Amino acid sequence: MPSWPPALDGVVDKLKRGAAVADVGCRHGASTIVMAKAFPKSRFFGFDYHAPLVEAAAKAARHAGLTNVRFEVAQAKNFPGHFDLVVTEGGFGRWRRVAETPFNIVLEVRQ
């Protein structure tokens, strides 16, 4: 499990009970898959704009036998769904419109 969830008050308990989690800019899904394995009651959705990476992530999840994770091609500024937690690992360094994208993620979290 990544080291950051325990640092956020109440997040680990929520993930253990079951939460909907978006990983924006998931690339090949490695961290998404680690989280899905660690918290089987939660549902994980990985989003990336690069279709070959999304396909590789989905293949890795199938290979791991995970049913609580799915991957979808989507841009960070308009990924679909409603989530309890939105994470990104290194996404800010890859997004072209860095000033706009975090604002869109905050809007999604607040809805």
Protein backbone atom coordinates (compact mmCIF):
# COMPACT_ATOMS: atom_id res chain seq x y z
CA MET A 1 0.00 0.00 0.00
CA PRO A 2 1.27 3.51 -0.72
CA SER A 3 2.41 5.49 2.29
CA TRP A 4 0.05 8.47 1.87
CA PRO A 5 -3.40 7.06 2.87
CA PRO A 6 -2.61 6.83 6.61
CA ALA A 7 -1.52 10.48 6.54
CA LEU A 8 -5.05 11.56 5.60
CA ASP A 9 -7.43 11.43 8.54
CA GLY A 10 -10.13 8.80 8.06
CA VAL A 11 -9.11 7.77 4.54
CA VAL A 12 -7.89 4.26 5.38
CA ASP A 13 -11.10 3.46 7.29
CA LYS A 14 -13.19 4.75 4.38
CA LEU A 15 -11.20 2.68 1.89
CA LYS A 16 -11.58 -0.41 4.08
CA ARG A 17 -15.37 0.08 4.26
CA GLY A 18 -15.67 0.81 0.54
CA ALA A 19 -15.15 4.01 -1.41
CA ALA A 20 -15.20 5.11 -5.01
CA VAL A 21 -11.71 6.30 -5.98
CA ALA A 22 -10.56 8.01 -9.17
CA ASP A 23 -6.90 7.90 -10.16
CA VAL A 24 -6.50 10.74 -12.66
CA GLY A 25 -3.52 10.38 -14.95
CA CYS A 26 -3.11 6.73 -13.96
CA ARG A 27 -0.73 5.87 -16.84
CA HIS A 28 -0.17 2.08 -16.76
CA GLY A 29 -2.22 1.69 -13.57
CA ALA A 30 0.48 0.43 -11.20
CA SER A 31 -0.56 2.53 -8.20
CA THR A 32 -4.27 2.02 -8.97
CA ILE A 33 -3.77 -1.74 -8.96
CA VAL A 34 -1.80 -1.64 -5.69
CA MET A 35 -4.65 0.29 -4.06
CA ALA A 36 -7.29 -2.07 -5.50
CA LYS A 37 -5.44 -5.05 -4.02
CA ALA A 38 -5.06 -3.35 -0.63
CA PHE A 39 -8.72 -2.28 -0.39
CA PRO A 40 -10.93 -4.92 -2.05
CA LYS A 41 -14.20 -3.34 -0.82
CA SER A 42 -13.45 -0.09 -2.64
CA ARG A 43 -13.94 0.58 -6.35
CA PHE A 44 -11.09 2.13 -8.31
CA PHE A 45 -11.32 3.95 -11.61
CA GLY A 46 -8.13 4.82 -13.48
CA PHE A 47 -8.27 7.57 -16.09
CA ASP A 48 -5.63 8.54 -18.62
CA TYR A 49 -5.80 10.23 -22.02
CA HIS A 50 -3.33 7.79 -23.64
CA ALA A 51 -5.25 4.74 -24.90
CA PRO A 52 -2.28 2.31 -25.07
CA LEU A 53 -1.49 2.99 -21.40
CA VAL A 54 -5.13 2.45 -20.44
CA GLU A 55 -5.18 -0.84 -22.36
CA ALA A 56 -1.99 -1.97 -20.59
CA ALA A 57 -3.49 -1.03 -17.21
CA ALA A 58 -6.68 -2.98 -17.92
CA LYS A 59 -4.65 -6.01 -19.00
CA ALA A 60 -2.58 -5.84 -15.80
CA ALA A 61 -5.74 -5.65 -13.68
CA ARG A 62 -7.23 -8.66 -15.46
CA HIS A 63 -3.95 -10.56 -15.01
CA ALA A 64 -4.08 -9.75 -11.27
CA GLY A 65 -7.66 -11.08 -11.11
CA LEU A 66 -9.06 -7.79 -9.83
CA THR A 67 -12.76 -7.05 -10.19
CA ASN A 68 -12.82 -3.77 -8.24
CA VAL A 69 -10.82 -1.71 -10.72
CA ARG A 70 -11.43 -0.46 -14.23
CA PHE A 71 -9.57 1.83 -16.58
CA GLU A 72 -10.94 4.31 -19.07
CA VAL A 73 -9.59 6.80 -21.59
CA ALA A 74 -10.44 10.29 -20.34
CA GLN A 75 -8.81 13.66 -19.95
CA ALA A 76 -8.04 15.05 -16.51
CA LYS A 77 -10.25 18.06 -17.18
CA ASN A 78 -13.41 16.04 -17.76
CA PHE A 79 -13.21 12.51 -16.37
CA PRO A 80 -16.66 10.96 -15.73
CA GLY A 81 -18.24 9.91 -12.45
CA HIS A 82 -18.59 10.90 -8.81
CA PHE A 83 -15.97 9.84 -6.29
CA ASP A 84 -15.20 9.82 -2.59
CA LEU A 85 -11.51 10.33 -3.27
CA VAL A 86 -9.57 11.62 -6.28
CA VAL A 87 -5.85 10.96 -6.47
CA THR A 88 -3.08 11.63 -8.95
CA GLU A 89 0.48 10.47 -8.87
CA GLY A 90 2.69 12.79 -10.87
CA GLY A 91 -0.12 13.98 -13.11
CA PHE A 92 0.55 17.68 -12.60
CA GLY A 93 3.89 17.36 -14.35
CA ARG A 94 2.26 15.91 -17.48
CA TRP A 95 -0.83 18.07 -17.86
CA ARG A 96 -0.64 20.82 -20.45
CA ARG A 97 -3.13 23.12 -18.75
CA VAL A 98 -1.89 22.73 -15.20
CA ALA A 99 -3.67 25.84 -13.94
CA GLU A 100 -7.07 24.58 -15.13
CA THR A 101 -6.88 20.86 -14.35
CA PRO A 102 -6.63 20.97 -10.52
CA PHE A 103 -9.64 23.30 -10.45
CA ASN A 104 -11.67 20.75 -12.43
CA ILE A 105 -10.63 17.99 -10.04
CA VAL A 106 -11.71 20.08 -7.04
CA LEU A 107 -15.06 20.72 -8.70
CA GLU A 108 -15.52 16.97 -9.14
CA VAL A 109 -14.72 16.27 -5.50
CA ARG A 110 -17.14 18.94 -4.26
CA GLN A 111 -20.10 17.62 -6.30
